[in-house]
Amino acid sequence: MSIDSSEDRSEGGADNSWGQGGAPPGLPAHDPAHPVESAVIGRLSANWYRRAAVKRREPDLDDLFEPDRPDCPESLLPFRDHPTYLALDEDTKARLRAWGWIAFNKNIQDIEQRVVNPGFALMATDAFETGLGESMTIAVTQAMVDEQYHTLMHLNASAVTRRRRGWAMPDAELPLGHKARRHQERLAAAATPALRELDTLAYTTVAEISINAYLDLVADDTEVQPINRVTADLHNRDEYCHSSIAAEIAKAAYTRLGPEHRRAFLAALADGMEAFAANDYTTWHRIVELTGVPGGRRMLQDVAASAARRRLLQDFSGLHRLCQEMEVLDDVPFDWSTVSVG
């Protein structure tokens, strides 16, 4: 098995020494000489009960905020090339981009808390009888600790945006994110506890293997607010390890399923991929309502109805590779031609 459950997780995982920036075990690997990375990690450790005693004051996140930078990339706005959006004044565009960043963070928090950690909790108790043993249990439990840090990291990033922009933008005004909402709907419709567990396994697998591509939408944009880009990048480093954990468990669990449960798992996997690829128009409808965009509802209806509109998430190479390894590529009811798999 490719998962190393030891304390060494240098391959994109969390740093488990006290040597990097005085951070406690479980925090994402980071460069203590990088002022923005150091500030993000410093805020996490300061809020965690195992915080380190630092010898010098770390730069505050608010001090590193650059007000002239956009809060999220234009690529996150499904209406970015619509005439209604293009005609808006710059202040309204800025508010929409700020709300886009708040929604991005909330979506990740909803996924971590409503999908991934419940899935990891099932894995940690070997609900799928994988037989992978203690080393995998330790790796999964460590991943659950990581996910709490990720949630806190994105909460911090949203908080500094609100403070520096002077706009309230509360999470509570937004609906549950589309991915977590679709997972919730599947759980409610599942006929048996076993099918609910398979739904959660499938959605957790999709989340952990596709989250890198989702975070890259911000982490790879050099024009966006540095705090936001670094937050996405730091989170991304842990997820390379988590994706291999999820893949190993999915493969082991699938080999032990009967034909009916295999079909159910693959159907849930495809549904999860559809959910993770999609733009969250429910959330965007709420945002344009909150910002009072003239013609905003019609704008979103136009965009959603456009056959040429691209999916938000395009890179499904990790999930395509997993399905190849499981020898189920042709059995998953998903149109691979609509995404990138290379």
C-alpha atoms as a PDB file:
ATOM      1  CA  MET A   1       0.000   0.000   0.000  1.00  0.00           C
ATOM      2  CA  SER A   2       1.285   3.454  -0.905  1.00  0.00           C
ATOM      3  CA  ILE A   3       0.218   5.243   2.297  1.00  0.00           C
ATOM      4  CA  ASP A   4       2.919   5.901   4.839  1.00  0.00           C
ATOM      5  CA  SER A   5       1.324   6.278   8.255  1.00  0.00           C
ATOM      6  CA  SER A   6       4.560   7.362   9.907  1.00  0.00           C
ATOM      7  CA  GLU A   7       5.231  10.870  11.127  1.00  0.00           C
ATOM      8  CA  ASP A   8       7.062  11.779   7.883  1.00  0.00           C
ATOM      9  CA  ARG A   9       4.590  13.378   5.483  1.00  0.00           C
ATOM     10  CA  SER A  10       6.887  15.562   3.432  1.00  0.00           C
ATOM     11  CA  GLU A  11       5.295  14.633   0.107  1.00  0.00           C
ATOM     12  CA  GLY A  12       2.725  17.414   0.061  1.00  0.00           C
ATOM     13  CA  GLY A  13       1.256  16.428   3.423  1.00  0.00           C
ATOM     14  CA  ALA A  14       1.108  18.149   6.770  1.00  0.00           C
ATOM     15  CA  ASP A  15       4.359  18.940   8.504  1.00  0.00           C
ATOM     16  CA  ASN A  16       4.542  17.013  11.761  1.00  0.00           C
ATOM     17  CA  SER A  17       7.593  18.658  13.287  1.00  0.00           C
ATOM     18  CA  TRP A  18       7.830  21.779  15.378  1.00  0.00           C
ATOM     19  CA  GLY A  19      10.562  23.088  13.076  1.00  0.00           C
ATOM     20  CA  GLN A  20       8.504  24.981  10.486  1.00  0.00           C
ATOM     21  CA  GLY A  21       7.407  28.326  11.815  1.00  0.00           C
ATOM     22  CA  GLY A  22       6.817  26.914  15.302  1.00  0.00           C
ATOM     23  CA  ALA A  23       3.671  25.160  14.077  1.00  0.00           C
ATOM     24  CA  PRO A  24       2.154  22.247  15.995  1.00  0.00           C
ATOM     25  CA  PRO A  25       1.692  18.799  14.423  1.00  0.00           C
ATOM     26  CA  GLY A  26      -1.025  18.582  11.780  1.00  0.00           C
ATOM     27  CA  LEU A  27      -0.586  22.030  10.273  1.00  0.00           C
ATOM     28  CA  PRO A  28       0.072  22.193   6.516  1.00  0.00           C
ATOM     29  CA  ALA A  29       3.699  22.250   5.383  1.00  0.00           C
ATOM     30  CA  HIS A  30       4.828  25.809   4.803  1.00  0.00           C
ATOM     31  CA  ASP A  31       7.810  28.093   4.280  1.00  0.00           C
ATOM     32  CA  PRO A  32       8.471  30.098   7.469  1.00  0.00           C
ATOM     33  CA  ALA A  33      10.421  32.669   5.440  1.00  0.00           C
ATOM     34  CA  HIS A  34       7.378  33.438   3.264  1.00  0.00           C
ATOM     35  CA  PRO A  35       5.508  36.296   5.021  1.00  0.00           C
ATOM     36  CA  VAL A  36       2.014  35.391   3.794  1.00  0.00           C
ATOM     37  CA  GLU A  37       2.390  31.642   4.381  1.00  0.00           C
ATOM     38  CA  SER A  38       3.856  32.349   7.817  1.00  0.00           C
ATOM     39  CA  ALA A  39       0.950  34.655   8.675  1.00  0.00           C
ATOM     40  CA  VAL A  40      -1.694  32.131   7.616  1.00  0.00           C
ATOM     41  CA  ILE A  41      -0.058  29.355   9.649  1.00  0.00           C
ATOM     42  CA  GLY A  42       0.580  31.710  12.557  1.00  0.00           C
ATOM     43  CA  ARG A  43      -3.128  32.535  12.733  1.00  0.00           C
ATOM     44  CA  LEU A  44      -4.001  28.828  12.726  1.00  0.00           C
ATOM     45  CA  SER A  45      -1.573  27.962  15.504  1.00  0.00           C
ATOM     46  CA  ALA A  46      -2.704  30.952  17.552  1.00  0.00           C
ATOM     47  CA  ASN A  47      -6.298  29.715  17.409  1.00  0.00           C
ATOM     48  CA  TRP A  48      -5.493  26.078  18.129  1.00  0.00           C
ATOM     49  CA  TYR A  49      -5.162  24.840  21.684  1.00  0.00           C
ATOM     50  CA  ARG A  50      -1.643  23.479  21.013  1.00  0.00           C
ATOM     51  CA  ARG A  51      -0.285  26.833  19.863  1.00  0.00           C
ATOM     52  CA  ALA A  52       3.432  27.448  19.844  1.00  0.00           C
ATOM     53  CA  ALA A  53       5.289  30.118  21.778  1.00  0.00           C
ATOM     54  CA  VAL A  54       6.891  32.273  19.082  1.00  0.00           C
ATOM     55  CA  LYS A  55       9.978  34.405  19.608  1.00  0.00           C
ATOM     56  CA  ARG A  56       8.908  37.209  17.330  1.00  0.00           C
ATOM     57  CA  ARG A  57       5.609  38.687  16.245  1.00  0.00           C
ATOM     58  CA  GLU A  58       4.347  37.066  13.055  1.00  0.00           C
ATOM     59  CA  PRO A  59       2.905  39.497  10.494  1.00  0.00           C
ATOM     60  CA  ASP A  60      -0.854  39.803  10.915  1.00  0.00           C
ATOM     61  CA  LEU A  61      -3.086  38.703   8.050  1.00  0.00           C
ATOM     62  CA  ASP A  62      -4.716  42.135   7.984  1.00  0.00           C
ATOM     63  CA  ASP A  63      -1.288  43.757   7.475  1.00  0.00           C
ATOM     64  CA  LEU A  64      -0.725  41.638   4.366  1.00  0.00           C
ATOM     65  CA  PHE A  65      -4.072  42.356   2.731  1.00  0.00           C
ATOM     66  CA  GLU A  66      -3.736  44.165  -0.606  1.00  0.00           C
ATOM     67  CA  PRO A  67      -7.000  46.072  -1.219  1.00  0.00           C
ATOM     68  CA  ASP A  68      -6.301  46.651  -4.917  1.00  0.00           C
ATOM     69  CA  ARG A  69      -6.157  42.918  -5.629  1.00  0.00           C
ATOM     70  CA  PRO A  70      -9.317  40.963  -6.595  1.00  0.00           C
ATOM     71  CA  ASP A  71     -10.580  38.589  -3.912  1.00  0.00           C
ATOM     72  CA  CYS A  72     -11.213  35.737  -6.330  1.00  0.00           C
ATOM     73  CA  PRO A  73     -10.331  34.957  -9.939  1.00  0.00           C
ATOM     74  CA  GLU A  74     -12.788  35.897 -12.662  1.00  0.00           C
ATOM     75  CA  SER A  75     -12.800  32.199 -13.612  1.00  0.00           C
ATOM     76  CA  LEU A  76     -14.942  31.491 -10.528  1.00  0.00           C
ATOM     77  CA  LEU A  77     -17.708  33.760 -11.841  1.00  0.00           C
ATOM     78  CA  PRO A  78     -19.932  31.779 -14.236  1.00  0.00           C
ATOM     79  CA  PHE A  79     -21.271  35.071 -15.645  1.00  0.00           C
ATOM     80  CA  ARG A  80     -17.864  36.734 -16.153  1.00  0.00           C
ATOM     81  CA  ASP A  81     -18.412  37.310 -19.896  1.00  0.00           C
ATOM     82  CA  HIS A  82     -22.153  38.136 -19.728  1.00  0.00           C
ATOM     83  CA  PRO A  83     -23.069  41.677 -20.880  1.00  0.00           C
ATOM     84  CA  THR A  84     -24.924  42.403 -17.641  1.00  0.00           C
ATOM     85  CA  TYR A  85     -21.824  41.727 -15.552  1.00  0.00           C
ATOM     86  CA  LEU A  86     -19.509  43.558 -17.937  1.00  0.00           C
ATOM     87  CA  ALA A  87     -21.708  46.667 -17.725  1.00  0.00           C
ATOM     88  CA  LEU A  88     -21.596  46.850 -13.914  1.00  0.00           C
ATOM     89  CA  ASP A  89     -19.652  49.537 -12.084  1.00  0.00           C
ATOM     90  CA  GLU A  90     -16.339  48.461 -10.559  1.00  0.00           C
ATOM     91  CA  ASP A  91     -17.604  48.586  -6.950  1.00  0.00           C
ATOM     92  CA  THR A  92     -20.386  46.091  -7.710  1.00  0.00           C
ATOM     93  CA  LYS A  93     -17.960  43.834  -9.558  1.00  0.00           C
ATOM     94  CA  ALA A  94     -15.631  43.963  -6.562  1.00  0.00           C
ATOM     95  CA  ARG A  95     -18.481  43.012  -4.225  1.00  0.00           C
ATOM     96  CA  LEU A  96     -19.379  40.056  -6.452  1.00  0.00           C
ATOM     97  CA  ARG A  97     -15.764  38.875  -6.470  1.00  0.00           C
ATOM     98  CA  ALA A  98     -15.582  39.242  -2.679  1.00  0.00           C
ATOM     99  CA  TRP A  99     -18.789  37.257  -2.294  1.00  0.00           C
ATOM    100  CA  GLY A 100     -17.309  34.691  -4.699  1.00  0.00           C
ATOM    101  CA  TRP A 101     -14.382  34.215  -2.331  1.00  0.00           C
ATOM    102  CA  ILE A 102     -16.664  33.941   0.707  1.00  0.00           C
ATOM    103  CA  ALA A 103     -18.762  31.355  -1.146  1.00  0.00           C
ATOM    104  CA  PHE A 104     -15.624  29.466  -2.231  1.00  0.00           C
ATOM    105  CA  ASN A 105     -14.502  29.200   1.389  1.00  0.00           C
ATOM    106  CA  LYS A 106     -17.951  28.249   2.646  1.00  0.00           C
ATOM    107  CA  ASN A 107     -18.264  25.577  -0.021  1.00  0.00           C
ATOM    108  CA  ILE A 108     -14.979  24.036   1.134  1.00  0.00           C
ATOM    109  CA  GLN A 109     -16.079  24.206   4.773  1.00  0.00           C
ATOM    110  CA  ASP A 110     -19.393  22.531   3.895  1.00  0.00           C
ATOM    111  CA  ILE A 111     -17.563  19.781   2.010  1.00  0.00           C
ATOM    112  CA  GLU A 112     -15.065  19.180   4.826  1.00  0.00           C
ATOM    113  CA  GLN A 113     -17.682  19.111   7.586  1.00  0.00           C
ATOM    114  CA  ARG A 114     -20.712  17.583   5.809  1.00  0.00           C
ATOM    115  CA  VAL A 115     -19.028  15.143   3.408  1.00  0.00           C
ATOM    116  CA  VAL A 116     -15.359  14.407   4.045  1.00  0.00           C
ATOM    117  CA  ASN A 117     -15.152  14.085   7.828  1.00  0.00           C
ATOM    118  CA  PRO A 118     -18.277  11.862   7.994  1.00  0.00           C
ATOM    119  CA  GLY A 119     -16.666   9.744   5.270  1.00  0.00           C
ATOM    120  CA  PHE A 120     -13.357   9.575   7.104  1.00  0.00           C
ATOM    121  CA  ALA A 121     -15.209   8.687  10.302  1.00  0.00           C
ATOM    122  CA  LEU A 122     -16.691   5.661   8.529  1.00  0.00           C
ATOM    123  CA  MET A 123     -13.287   4.719   7.152  1.00  0.00           C
ATOM    124  CA  ALA A 124     -11.631   5.041  10.571  1.00  0.00           C
ATOM    125  CA  THR A 125     -14.053   2.468  12.015  1.00  0.00           C
ATOM    126  CA  ASP A 126     -13.532   0.210   8.974  1.00  0.00           C
ATOM    127  CA  ALA A 127     -17.216   0.402   8.065  1.00  0.00           C
ATOM    128  CA  PHE A 128     -16.345  -0.924   4.596  1.00  0.00           C
ATOM    129  CA  GLU A 129     -14.314  -3.887   5.898  1.00  0.00           C
ATOM    130  CA  THR A 130     -11.288  -3.032   3.796  1.00  0.00           C
ATOM    131  CA  GLY A 131      -8.906  -4.984   6.016  1.00  0.00           C
ATOM    132  CA  LEU A 132      -6.303  -2.242   5.598  1.00  0.00           C
ATOM    133  CA  GLY A 133      -5.440  -2.303   9.278  1.00  0.00           C
ATOM    134  CA  GLU A 134      -4.082   0.036  11.902  1.00  0.00           C
ATOM    135  CA  SER A 135      -1.754   2.020   9.650  1.00  0.00           C
ATOM    136  CA  MET A 136      -4.685   3.156   7.507  1.00  0.00           C
ATOM    137  CA  THR A 137      -6.772   3.984  10.576  1.00  0.00           C
ATOM    138  CA  ILE A 138      -3.959   6.239  11.814  1.00  0.00           C
ATOM    139  CA  ALA A 139      -3.615   7.892   8.397  1.00  0.00           C
ATOM    140  CA  VAL A 140      -7.372   8.531   8.160  1.00  0.00           C
ATOM    141  CA  THR A 141      -7.544   9.906  11.703  1.00  0.00           C
ATOM    142  CA  GLN A 142      -4.629  12.250  10.965  1.00  0.00           C
ATOM    143  CA  ALA A 143      -6.468  13.384   7.836  1.00  0.00           C
ATOM    144  CA  MET A 144      -9.516  14.231   9.960  1.00  0.00           C
ATOM    145  CA  VAL A 145      -7.304  16.446  12.142  1.00  0.00           C
ATOM    146  CA  ASP A 146      -5.980  18.118   8.983  1.00  0.00           C
ATOM    147  CA  GLU A 147      -9.511  18.851   7.794  1.00  0.00           C
ATOM    148  CA  GLN A 148     -10.261  20.818  10.964  1.00  0.00           C
ATOM    149  CA  TYR A 149      -7.234  23.002  10.285  1.00  0.00           C
ATOM    150  CA  HIS A 150      -8.396  23.490   6.698  1.00  0.00           C
ATOM    151  CA  THR A 151     -11.815  24.637   7.896  1.00  0.00           C
ATOM    152  CA  LEU A 152     -10.195  27.100  10.298  1.00  0.00           C
ATOM    153  CA  MET A 153      -7.848  28.343   7.575  1.00  0.00           C
ATOM    154  CA  HIS A 154     -10.748  29.200   5.253  1.00  0.00           C
ATOM    155  CA  LEU A 155     -12.728  30.763   8.107  1.00  0.00           C
ATOM    156  CA  ASN A 156      -9.736  33.016   8.808  1.00  0.00           C
ATOM    157  CA  ALA A 157      -9.430  33.973   5.142  1.00  0.00           C
ATOM    158  CA  SER A 158     -13.088  34.968   4.937  1.00  0.00           C
ATOM    159  CA  ALA A 159     -12.836  36.914   8.198  1.00  0.00           C
ATOM    160  CA  VAL A 160      -9.928  39.060   7.011  1.00  0.00           C
ATOM    161  CA  THR A 161     -11.759  39.780   3.745  1.00  0.00           C
ATOM    162  CA  ARG A 162     -14.809  41.009   5.672  1.00  0.00           C
ATOM    163  CA  ARG A 163     -12.708  43.187   7.979  1.00  0.00           C
ATOM    164  CA  ARG A 164     -10.611  44.791   5.276  1.00  0.00           C
ATOM    165  CA  ARG A 165     -13.411  45.302   2.772  1.00  0.00           C
ATOM    166  CA  GLY A 166     -15.828  46.577   5.405  1.00  0.00           C
ATOM    167  CA  TRP A 167     -18.642  44.448   3.953  1.00  0.00           C
ATOM    168  CA  ALA A 168     -20.587  42.086   6.232  1.00  0.00           C
ATOM    169  CA  MET A 169     -21.005  39.155   3.802  1.00  0.00           C
ATOM    170  CA  PRO A 170     -22.017  36.599   6.482  1.00  0.00           C
ATOM    171  CA  ASP A 171     -21.817  32.896   5.664  1.00  0.00           C
ATOM    172  CA  ALA A 172     -25.275  32.483   7.174  1.00  0.00           C
ATOM    173  CA  GLU A 173     -26.786  34.407   4.246  1.00  0.00           C
ATOM    174  CA  LEU A 174     -25.661  31.696   1.815  1.00  0.00           C
ATOM    175  CA  PRO A 175     -27.291  28.290   1.310  1.00  0.00           C
ATOM    176  CA  LEU A 176     -25.513  24.999   1.904  1.00  0.00           C
ATOM    177  CA  GLY A 177     -22.961  24.549  -0.894  1.00  0.00           C
ATOM    178  CA  HIS A 178     -24.111  22.625  -3.954  1.00  0.00           C
ATOM    179  CA  LYS A 179     -21.786  19.667  -3.426  1.00  0.00           C
ATOM    180  CA  ALA A 180     -22.740  19.125   0.211  1.00  0.00           C
ATOM    181  CA  ARG A 181     -26.396  19.807  -0.626  1.00  0.00           C
ATOM    182  CA  ARG A 182     -26.422  17.154  -3.359  1.00  0.00           C
ATOM    183  CA  HIS A 183     -24.792  14.678  -0.982  1.00  0.00           C
ATOM    184  CA  GLN A 184     -27.450  15.445   1.618  1.00  0.00           C
ATOM    185  CA  GLU A 185     -30.180  14.796  -0.963  1.00  0.00           C
ATOM    186  CA  ARG A 186     -28.683  11.411  -1.841  1.00  0.00           C
ATOM    187  CA  LEU A 187     -28.511  10.403   1.813  1.00  0.00           C
ATOM    188  CA  ALA A 188     -32.172  11.335   2.286  1.00  0.00           C
ATOM    189  CA  ALA A 189     -33.172   9.245  -0.737  1.00  0.00           C
ATOM    190  CA  ALA A 190     -31.085   6.161   0.092  1.00  0.00           C
ATOM    191  CA  ALA A 191     -33.193   3.113   0.892  1.00  0.00           C
ATOM    192  CA  THR A 192     -30.847   1.481   3.411  1.00  0.00           C
ATOM    193  CA  PRO A 193     -28.040   2.434   5.820  1.00  0.00           C
ATOM    194  CA  ALA A 194     -25.596   0.466   3.646  1.00  0.00           C
ATOM    195  CA  LEU A 195     -26.483   2.570   0.601  1.00  0.00           C
ATOM    196  CA  ARG A 196     -26.120   5.770   2.623  1.00  0.00           C
ATOM    197  CA  GLU A 197     -22.626   4.673   3.649  1.00  0.00           C
ATOM    198  CA  LEU A 198     -21.741   3.914   0.012  1.00  0.00           C
ATOM    199  CA  ASP A 199     -22.992   7.360  -1.009  1.00  0.00           C
ATOM    200  CA  THR A 200     -20.745   8.927   1.608  1.00  0.00           C
ATOM    201  CA  LEU A 201     -17.768   6.793   0.546  1.00  0.00           C
ATOM    202  CA  ALA A 202     -18.280   7.796  -3.100  1.00  0.00           C
ATOM    203  CA  TYR A 203     -18.678  11.506  -2.358  1.00  0.00           C
ATOM    204  CA  THR A 204     -15.673  11.516  -0.021  1.00  0.00           C
ATOM    205  CA  THR A 205     -13.617   9.804  -2.715  1.00  0.00           C
ATOM    206  CA  VAL A 206     -14.647  12.417  -5.294  1.00  0.00           C
ATOM    207  CA  ALA A 207     -14.049  15.273  -2.858  1.00  0.00           C
ATOM    208  CA  GLU A 208     -10.580  14.205  -1.804  1.00  0.00           C
ATOM    209  CA  ILE A 209      -9.365  13.378  -5.307  1.00  0.00           C
ATOM    210  CA  SER A 210     -10.872  16.425  -7.055  1.00  0.00           C
ATOM    211  CA  ILE A 211     -10.271  19.052  -4.353  1.00  0.00           C
ATOM    212  CA  ASN A 212      -6.766  19.780  -5.675  1.00  0.00           C
ATOM    213  CA  ALA A 213      -8.169  20.913  -9.015  1.00  0.00           C
ATOM    214  CA  TYR A 214     -10.780  23.033  -7.221  1.00  0.00           C
ATOM    215  CA  LEU A 215      -8.195  24.714  -4.984  1.00  0.00           C
ATOM    216  CA  ASP A 216      -5.949  25.291  -8.016  1.00  0.00           C
ATOM    217  CA  LEU A 217      -8.581  27.658  -9.400  1.00  0.00           C
ATOM    218  CA  VAL A 218      -7.392  30.150  -6.768  1.00  0.00           C
ATOM    219  CA  ALA A 219      -3.897  28.865  -5.932  1.00  0.00           C
ATOM    220  CA  ASP A 220      -2.691  29.175  -9.540  1.00  0.00           C
ATOM    221  CA  ASP A 221      -3.953  32.733 -10.064  1.00  0.00           C
ATOM    222  CA  THR A 222      -1.083  35.175  -9.548  1.00  0.00           C
ATOM    223  CA  GLU A 223      -3.314  38.271  -9.713  1.00  0.00           C
ATOM    224  CA  VAL A 224      -5.637  37.339  -6.867  1.00  0.00           C
ATOM    225  CA  GLN A 225      -5.322  38.509  -3.240  1.00  0.00           C
ATOM    226  CA  PRO A 226      -2.069  36.898  -1.911  1.00  0.00           C
ATOM    227  CA  ILE A 227      -3.684  35.758   1.348  1.00  0.00           C
ATOM    228  CA  ASN A 228      -6.375  33.946  -0.610  1.00  0.00           C
ATOM    229  CA  ARG A 229      -3.940  32.359  -3.036  1.00  0.00           C
ATOM    230  CA  VAL A 230      -1.673  31.150  -0.217  1.00  0.00           C
ATOM    231  CA  THR A 231      -4.641  29.805   1.764  1.00  0.00           C
ATOM    232  CA  ALA A 232      -5.667  27.675  -1.213  1.00  0.00           C
ATOM    233  CA  ASP A 233      -2.082  26.588  -1.850  1.00  0.00           C
ATOM    234  CA  LEU A 234      -1.396  25.562   1.758  1.00  0.00           C
ATOM    235  CA  HIS A 235      -4.622  23.580   1.866  1.00  0.00           C
ATOM    236  CA  ASN A 236      -3.694  21.947  -1.424  1.00  0.00           C
ATOM    237  CA  ARG A 237      -0.454  20.502  -0.054  1.00  0.00           C
ATOM    238  CA  ASP A 238      -2.236  18.280   2.459  1.00  0.00           C
ATOM    239  CA  GLU A 239      -4.780  17.123  -0.073  1.00  0.00           C
ATOM    240  CA  TYR A 240      -2.194  15.374  -2.231  1.00  0.00           C
ATOM    241  CA  CYS A 241      -1.724  12.966   0.681  1.00  0.00           C
ATOM    242  CA  HIS A 242      -5.448  12.736   1.416  1.00  0.00           C
ATOM    243  CA  SER A 243      -6.246  11.849  -2.184  1.00  0.00           C
ATOM    244  CA  SER A 244      -4.017   8.776  -2.005  1.00  0.00           C
ATOM    245  CA  ILE A 245      -5.683   7.705   1.263  1.00  0.00           C
ATOM    246  CA  ALA A 246      -9.155   8.022  -0.286  1.00  0.00           C
ATOM    247  CA  ALA A 247      -8.094   6.185  -3.438  1.00  0.00           C
ATOM    248  CA  GLU A 248      -6.622   3.230  -1.526  1.00  0.00           C
ATOM    249  CA  ILE A 249      -9.732   2.850   0.611  1.00  0.00           C
ATOM    250  CA  ALA A 250     -12.104   3.148  -2.364  1.00  0.00           C
ATOM    251  CA  LYS A 251     -10.213   0.421  -4.233  1.00  0.00           C
ATOM    252  CA  ALA A 252     -10.089  -1.889  -1.210  1.00  0.00           C
ATOM    253  CA  ALA A 253     -13.766  -1.340  -0.376  1.00  0.00           C
ATOM    254  CA  TYR A 254     -14.914  -1.900  -3.969  1.00  0.00           C
ATOM    255  CA  THR A 255     -13.292  -5.338  -4.189  1.00  0.00           C
ATOM    256  CA  ARG A 256     -15.392  -6.474  -1.208  1.00  0.00           C
ATOM    257  CA  LEU A 257     -18.760  -5.275  -2.550  1.00  0.00           C
ATOM    258  CA  GLY A 258     -21.383  -7.468  -4.168  1.00  0.00           C
ATOM    259  CA  PRO A 259     -22.703  -6.681  -7.685  1.00  0.00           C
ATOM    260  CA  GLU A 260     -25.650  -4.565  -6.495  1.00  0.00           C
ATOM    261  CA  HIS A 261     -23.564  -2.474  -4.131  1.00  0.00           C
ATOM    262  CA  ARG A 262     -20.859  -2.059  -6.769  1.00  0.00           C
ATOM    263  CA  ARG A 263     -23.414  -0.565  -9.147  1.00  0.00           C
ATOM    264  CA  ALA A 264     -24.702   1.688  -6.365  1.00  0.00           C
ATOM    265  CA  PHE A 265     -21.188   2.887  -5.525  1.00  0.00           C
ATOM    266  CA  LEU A 266     -20.339   3.685  -9.161  1.00  0.00           C
ATOM    267  CA  ALA A 267     -23.639   5.525  -9.618  1.00  0.00           C
ATOM    268  CA  ALA A 268     -22.889   7.614  -6.514  1.00  0.00           C
ATOM    269  CA  LEU A 269     -19.338   8.234  -7.768  1.00  0.00           C
ATOM    270  CA  ALA A 270     -20.696   9.593 -11.073  1.00  0.00           C
ATOM    271  CA  ASP A 271     -23.276  11.721  -9.249  1.00  0.00           C
ATOM    272  CA  GLY A 272     -20.518  13.112  -7.045  1.00  0.00           C
ATOM    273  CA  MET A 273     -18.444  14.013 -10.096  1.00  0.00           C
ATOM    274  CA  GLU A 274     -21.403  15.848 -11.626  1.00  0.00           C
ATOM    275  CA  ALA A 275     -21.911  17.751  -8.377  1.00  0.00           C
ATOM    276  CA  PHE A 276     -18.243  18.695  -8.015  1.00  0.00           C
ATOM    277  CA  ALA A 277     -17.942  19.830 -11.641  1.00  0.00           C
ATOM    278  CA  ALA A 278     -20.997  22.089 -11.509  1.00  0.00           C
ATOM    279  CA  ASN A 279     -21.367  25.801 -10.879  1.00  0.00           C
ATOM    280  CA  ASP A 280     -23.461  26.517  -7.778  1.00  0.00           C
ATOM    281  CA  TYR A 281     -26.224  28.647  -9.290  1.00  0.00           C
ATOM    282  CA  THR A 282     -28.352  28.498  -6.138  1.00  0.00           C
ATOM    283  CA  THR A 283     -25.603  30.274  -4.221  1.00  0.00           C
ATOM    284  CA  TRP A 284     -25.000  32.766  -7.038  1.00  0.00           C
ATOM    285  CA  HIS A 285     -28.711  33.621  -7.188  1.00  0.00           C
ATOM    286  CA  ARG A 286     -28.540  34.474  -3.503  1.00  0.00           C
ATOM    287  CA  ILE A 287     -25.390  36.557  -3.996  1.00  0.00           C
ATOM    288  CA  VAL A 288     -26.817  38.670  -6.842  1.00  0.00           C
ATOM    289  CA  GLU A 289     -29.928  39.192  -4.704  1.00  0.00           C
ATOM    290  CA  LEU A 290     -27.816  40.336  -1.750  1.00  0.00           C
ATOM    291  CA  THR A 291     -25.761  42.701  -3.908  1.00  0.00           C
ATOM    292  CA  GLY A 292     -28.796  44.039  -5.758  1.00  0.00           C
ATOM    293  CA  VAL A 293     -27.413  43.426  -9.265  1.00  0.00           C
ATOM    294  CA  PRO A 294     -29.885  44.849 -11.811  1.00  0.00           C
ATOM    295  CA  GLY A 295     -30.899  42.013 -14.110  1.00  0.00           C
ATOM    296  CA  GLY A 296     -28.860  39.564 -12.043  1.00  0.00           C
ATOM    297  CA  ARG A 297     -31.462  36.805 -11.983  1.00  0.00           C
ATOM    298  CA  ARG A 298     -31.914  36.945 -15.762  1.00  0.00           C
ATOM    299  CA  MET A 299     -28.134  36.966 -16.193  1.00  0.00           C
ATOM    300  CA  LEU A 300     -27.805  33.729 -14.231  1.00  0.00           C
ATOM    301  CA  GLN A 301     -30.706  32.138 -16.098  1.00  0.00           C
ATOM    302  CA  ASP A 302     -29.010  32.977 -19.390  1.00  0.00           C
ATOM    303  CA  VAL A 303     -25.705  31.516 -18.256  1.00  0.00           C
ATOM    304  CA  ALA A 304     -27.240  28.333 -16.821  1.00  0.00           C
ATOM    305  CA  ALA A 305     -29.191  27.741 -20.025  1.00  0.00           C
ATOM    306  CA  SER A 306     -26.178  28.191 -22.297  1.00  0.00           C
ATOM    307  CA  ALA A 307     -25.154  24.892 -23.885  1.00  0.00           C
ATOM    308  CA  ALA A 308     -21.678  26.319 -24.432  1.00  0.00           C
ATOM    309  CA  ARG A 309     -21.142  27.076 -20.732  1.00  0.00           C
ATOM    310  CA  ARG A 310     -18.159  25.166 -19.377  1.00  0.00           C
ATOM    311  CA  ARG A 311     -18.193  23.264 -16.120  1.00  0.00           C
ATOM    312  CA  LEU A 312     -16.559  25.044 -13.193  1.00  0.00           C
ATOM    313  CA  LEU A 313     -14.221  22.111 -12.530  1.00  0.00           C
ATOM    314  CA  GLN A 314     -12.511  20.695 -15.603  1.00  0.00           C
ATOM    315  CA  ASP A 315      -9.615  18.560 -14.341  1.00  0.00           C
ATOM    316  CA  PHE A 316     -10.791  15.049 -13.491  1.00  0.00           C
ATOM    317  CA  SER A 317      -7.519  13.294 -14.253  1.00  0.00           C
ATOM    318  CA  GLY A 318      -7.186  11.893 -10.723  1.00  0.00           C
ATOM    319  CA  LEU A 319     -10.647  10.317 -10.727  1.00  0.00           C
ATOM    320  CA  HIS A 320     -10.152   9.039 -14.273  1.00  0.00           C
ATOM    321  CA  ARG A 321      -6.915   7.378 -13.175  1.00  0.00           C
ATOM    322  CA  LEU A 322      -8.635   5.837 -10.139  1.00  0.00           C
ATOM    323  CA  CYS A 323     -11.382   4.358 -12.321  1.00  0.00           C
ATOM    324  CA  GLN A 324      -8.744   2.958 -14.672  1.00  0.00           C
ATOM    325  CA  GLU A 325      -6.947   1.308 -11.757  1.00  0.00           C
ATOM    326  CA  MET A 326     -10.261  -0.132 -10.524  1.00  0.00           C
ATOM    327  CA  GLU A 327     -11.047  -1.305 -14.097  1.00  0.00           C
ATOM    328  CA  VAL A 328     -14.457   0.400 -13.997  1.00  0.00           C
ATOM    329  CA  LEU A 329     -13.856   3.245 -16.445  1.00  0.00           C
ATOM    330  CA  ASP A 330     -16.583   2.075 -18.812  1.00  0.00           C
ATOM    331  CA  ASP A 331     -18.952   1.150 -15.994  1.00  0.00           C
ATOM    332  CA  VAL A 332     -19.145   4.593 -14.369  1.00  0.00           C
ATOM    333  CA  PRO A 333     -22.178   6.450 -15.786  1.00  0.00           C
ATOM    334  CA  PHE A 334     -20.242   9.663 -16.411  1.00  0.00           C
ATOM    335  CA  ASP A 335     -19.384  11.404 -19.692  1.00  0.00           C
ATOM    336  CA  TRP A 336     -15.603  11.731 -19.511  1.00  0.00           C
ATOM    337  CA  SER A 337     -15.543  13.712 -22.759  1.00  0.00           C
ATOM    338  CA  THR A 338     -16.927  16.743 -20.862  1.00  0.00           C
ATOM    339  CA  VAL A 339     -13.849  17.081 -18.635  1.00  0.00           C
ATOM    340  CA  SER A 340     -10.062  16.958 -18.888  1.00  0.00           C
ATOM    341  CA  VAL A 341      -8.512  13.587 -18.025  1.00  0.00           C
ATOM    342  CA  GLY A 342      -5.001  13.938 -19.404  1.00  0.00           C
END
